[in-house]
């Protein structure tokens, strides 16, 4: 069994599955890139979890258009992948900016090493 933080949980998937793990991976990438979890601004608000769950149910996610790997995060959140192997393959297409975020790349290599 797995447990998810309030900001990386999809109520439509009440149990841990490959899809829920990939969704949570999108949230983890977001947190690494931005330094805060998705919808961190709602933390401490009454029923923050319920509010974020409703946003997710409506496929409303944080704006990632200008973030490194934004397309990857959105694909994770929209359920575009059926396996972590597919996520890894998509990530390999990612071309980091010249001012590369080495901590993200190093983290990604550690996470995906078992899928090579």
C-alpha atoms as a PDB file:
ATOM      1  CA  UNK A   1       0.000   0.000   0.000  1.00  0.00           C
ATOM      2  CA  UNK A   2       1.132   3.499  -0.721  1.00  0.00           C
ATOM      3  CA  UNK A   3       0.152   6.795   0.781  1.00  0.00           C
ATOM      4  CA  UNK A   4       0.037  10.128  -1.001  1.00  0.00           C
ATOM      5  CA  UNK A   5       0.246  13.640   0.300  1.00  0.00           C
ATOM      6  CA  UNK A   6      -2.916  15.730  -0.058  1.00  0.00           C
ATOM      7  CA  UNK A   7      -1.562  17.540  -3.124  1.00  0.00           C
ATOM      8  CA  UNK A   8      -0.678  14.478  -5.227  1.00  0.00           C
ATOM      9  CA  UNK A   9      -3.746  12.316  -4.914  1.00  0.00           C
ATOM     10  CA  UNK A  10      -6.474  11.655  -7.459  1.00  0.00           C
ATOM     11  CA  UNK A  11      -9.797  10.787  -5.821  1.00  0.00           C
ATOM     12  CA  UNK A  12     -10.844   8.866  -8.942  1.00  0.00           C
ATOM     13  CA  UNK A  13      -8.061   6.393  -8.151  1.00  0.00           C
ATOM     14  CA  UNK A  14      -8.663   5.505  -4.492  1.00  0.00           C
ATOM     15  CA  UNK A  15      -5.914   2.898  -4.360  1.00  0.00           C
ATOM     16  CA  UNK A  16      -2.252   2.847  -5.312  1.00  0.00           C
ATOM     17  CA  UNK A  17      -1.862   1.883  -8.963  1.00  0.00           C
ATOM     18  CA  UNK A  18       0.670   2.479 -11.721  1.00  0.00           C
ATOM     19  CA  UNK A  19      -1.485   5.423 -12.866  1.00  0.00           C
ATOM     20  CA  UNK A  20      -1.647   6.941  -9.367  1.00  0.00           C
ATOM     21  CA  UNK A  21       2.122   6.538  -8.992  1.00  0.00           C
ATOM     22  CA  UNK A  22       2.722   8.264 -12.336  1.00  0.00           C
ATOM     23  CA  UNK A  23       0.366  11.073 -11.299  1.00  0.00           C
ATOM     24  CA  UNK A  24       2.319  11.440  -8.039  1.00  0.00           C
ATOM     25  CA  UNK A  25       5.586  11.449 -10.018  1.00  0.00           C
ATOM     26  CA  UNK A  26       4.297  14.454 -11.964  1.00  0.00           C
ATOM     27  CA  UNK A  27       3.686  16.154  -8.618  1.00  0.00           C
ATOM     28  CA  UNK A  28       7.172  15.234  -7.374  1.00  0.00           C
ATOM     29  CA  UNK A  29       8.776  16.662 -10.519  1.00  0.00           C
ATOM     30  CA  UNK A  30       6.742  19.850 -10.031  1.00  0.00           C
ATOM     31  CA  UNK A  31       7.959  20.142  -6.439  1.00  0.00           C
ATOM     32  CA  UNK A  32      11.587  19.606  -7.417  1.00  0.00           C
ATOM     33  CA  UNK A  33      11.400  22.182 -10.197  1.00  0.00           C
ATOM     34  CA  UNK A  34       9.503  24.848  -8.236  1.00  0.00           C
ATOM     35  CA  UNK A  35      10.525  24.104  -4.657  1.00  0.00           C
ATOM     36  CA  UNK A  36       6.873  23.737  -3.606  1.00  0.00           C
ATOM     37  CA  UNK A  37       4.239  21.048  -4.149  1.00  0.00           C
ATOM     38  CA  UNK A  38       1.349  21.612  -6.552  1.00  0.00           C
ATOM     39  CA  UNK A  39      -1.253  23.954  -5.092  1.00  0.00           C
ATOM     40  CA  UNK A  40       0.924  24.662  -2.058  1.00  0.00           C
ATOM     41  CA  UNK A  41      -0.919  27.967  -1.726  1.00  0.00           C
ATOM     42  CA  UNK A  42      -3.964  26.076  -0.403  1.00  0.00           C
ATOM     43  CA  UNK A  43      -2.097  24.403   2.463  1.00  0.00           C
ATOM     44  CA  UNK A  44      -3.676  25.381   5.740  1.00  0.00           C
ATOM     45  CA  UNK A  45      -6.960  26.300   4.070  1.00  0.00           C
ATOM     46  CA  UNK A  46     -10.094  24.582   5.330  1.00  0.00           C
ATOM     47  CA  UNK A  47     -10.603  21.420   3.285  1.00  0.00           C
ATOM     48  CA  UNK A  48      -7.488  22.000   1.160  1.00  0.00           C
ATOM     49  CA  UNK A  49      -7.463  18.350   0.117  1.00  0.00           C
ATOM     50  CA  UNK A  50     -11.070  18.472  -1.058  1.00  0.00           C
ATOM     51  CA  UNK A  51     -10.468  21.690  -2.958  1.00  0.00           C
ATOM     52  CA  UNK A  52      -7.411  20.279  -4.755  1.00  0.00           C
ATOM     53  CA  UNK A  53      -9.224  17.004  -5.480  1.00  0.00           C
ATOM     54  CA  UNK A  54     -12.019  18.962  -7.188  1.00  0.00           C
ATOM     55  CA  UNK A  55      -9.471  20.843  -9.283  1.00  0.00           C
ATOM     56  CA  UNK A  56      -7.845  17.558 -10.292  1.00  0.00           C
ATOM     57  CA  UNK A  57     -11.235  16.017 -11.116  1.00  0.00           C
ATOM     58  CA  UNK A  58     -11.771  18.931 -13.527  1.00  0.00           C
ATOM     59  CA  UNK A  59      -8.265  18.366 -14.974  1.00  0.00           C
ATOM     60  CA  UNK A  60      -7.159  21.740 -13.660  1.00  0.00           C
ATOM     61  CA  UNK A  61      -3.474  21.626 -12.829  1.00  0.00           C
ATOM     62  CA  UNK A  62      -0.863  24.248 -11.968  1.00  0.00           C
ATOM     63  CA  UNK A  63       0.475  26.277 -14.883  1.00  0.00           C
ATOM     64  CA  UNK A  64       3.661  24.575 -16.012  1.00  0.00           C
ATOM     65  CA  UNK A  65       3.976  26.109 -19.480  1.00  0.00           C
ATOM     66  CA  UNK A  66       7.252  27.877 -18.678  1.00  0.00           C
ATOM     67  CA  UNK A  67       8.744  25.183 -16.454  1.00  0.00           C
ATOM     68  CA  UNK A  68      11.378  22.628 -17.435  1.00  0.00           C
ATOM     69  CA  UNK A  69       9.631  19.309 -18.118  1.00  0.00           C
ATOM     70  CA  UNK A  70       6.230  21.026 -17.982  1.00  0.00           C
ATOM     71  CA  UNK A  71       4.954  18.820 -20.818  1.00  0.00           C
ATOM     72  CA  UNK A  72       6.084  15.737 -18.920  1.00  0.00           C
ATOM     73  CA  UNK A  73       4.285  16.846 -15.751  1.00  0.00           C
ATOM     74  CA  UNK A  74       1.066  17.494 -17.676  1.00  0.00           C
ATOM     75  CA  UNK A  75       1.284  14.125 -19.397  1.00  0.00           C
ATOM     76  CA  UNK A  76       1.670  12.444 -15.974  1.00  0.00           C
ATOM     77  CA  UNK A  77      -1.314  14.356 -14.598  1.00  0.00           C
ATOM     78  CA  UNK A  78      -3.521  13.709 -17.617  1.00  0.00           C
ATOM     79  CA  UNK A  79      -2.874   9.950 -17.530  1.00  0.00           C
ATOM     80  CA  UNK A  80      -1.045   9.827 -20.869  1.00  0.00           C
ATOM     81  CA  UNK A  81       1.349   7.083 -19.694  1.00  0.00           C
ATOM     82  CA  UNK A  82       0.598   3.438 -19.014  1.00  0.00           C
ATOM     83  CA  UNK A  83       3.971   2.620 -17.463  1.00  0.00           C
ATOM     84  CA  UNK A  84       7.032   4.201 -15.942  1.00  0.00           C
ATOM     85  CA  UNK A  85       8.963   2.965 -18.966  1.00  0.00           C
ATOM     86  CA  UNK A  86       6.848   5.283 -21.127  1.00  0.00           C
ATOM     87  CA  UNK A  87       7.612   8.178 -18.770  1.00  0.00           C
ATOM     88  CA  UNK A  88      11.329   7.427 -19.037  1.00  0.00           C
ATOM     89  CA  UNK A  89      11.148   7.335 -22.834  1.00  0.00           C
ATOM     90  CA  UNK A  90       9.378  10.712 -22.925  1.00  0.00           C
ATOM     91  CA  UNK A  91      11.913  12.183 -20.509  1.00  0.00           C
ATOM     92  CA  UNK A  92      14.735  11.115 -22.817  1.00  0.00           C
ATOM     93  CA  UNK A  93      13.283  13.501 -25.392  1.00  0.00           C
ATOM     94  CA  UNK A  94      13.634  16.394 -22.926  1.00  0.00           C
ATOM     95  CA  UNK A  95      16.295  18.900 -23.926  1.00  0.00           C
ATOM     96  CA  UNK A  96      17.341  20.923 -20.875  1.00  0.00           C
ATOM     97  CA  UNK A  97      18.111  24.620 -21.275  1.00  0.00           C
ATOM     98  CA  UNK A  98      21.767  25.631 -21.505  1.00  0.00           C
ATOM     99  CA  UNK A  99      21.630  26.741 -17.886  1.00  0.00           C
ATOM    100  CA  UNK A 100      20.852  23.134 -17.020  1.00  0.00           C
ATOM    101  CA  UNK A 101      19.167  22.141 -13.767  1.00  0.00           C
ATOM    102  CA  UNK A 102      21.702  19.498 -12.747  1.00  0.00           C
ATOM    103  CA  UNK A 103      19.901  18.571  -9.547  1.00  0.00           C
ATOM    104  CA  UNK A 104      16.770  17.623 -11.518  1.00  0.00           C
ATOM    105  CA  UNK A 105      18.732  15.626 -14.047  1.00  0.00           C
ATOM    106  CA  UNK A 106      20.715  13.807 -11.343  1.00  0.00           C
ATOM    107  CA  UNK A 107      17.526  13.045  -9.424  1.00  0.00           C
ATOM    108  CA  UNK A 108      15.841  11.769 -12.583  1.00  0.00           C
ATOM    109  CA  UNK A 109      18.760   9.437 -13.331  1.00  0.00           C
ATOM    110  CA  UNK A 110      18.530   7.924  -9.856  1.00  0.00           C
ATOM    111  CA  UNK A 111      14.765   7.453 -10.068  1.00  0.00           C
ATOM    112  CA  UNK A 112      14.795   5.924 -13.541  1.00  0.00           C
ATOM    113  CA  UNK A 113      17.944   3.793 -13.296  1.00  0.00           C
ATOM    114  CA  UNK A 114      15.936   0.611 -12.706  1.00  0.00           C
ATOM    115  CA  UNK A 115      13.910   1.065 -15.907  1.00  0.00           C
ATOM    116  CA  UNK A 116      16.843   1.157 -18.331  1.00  0.00           C
END
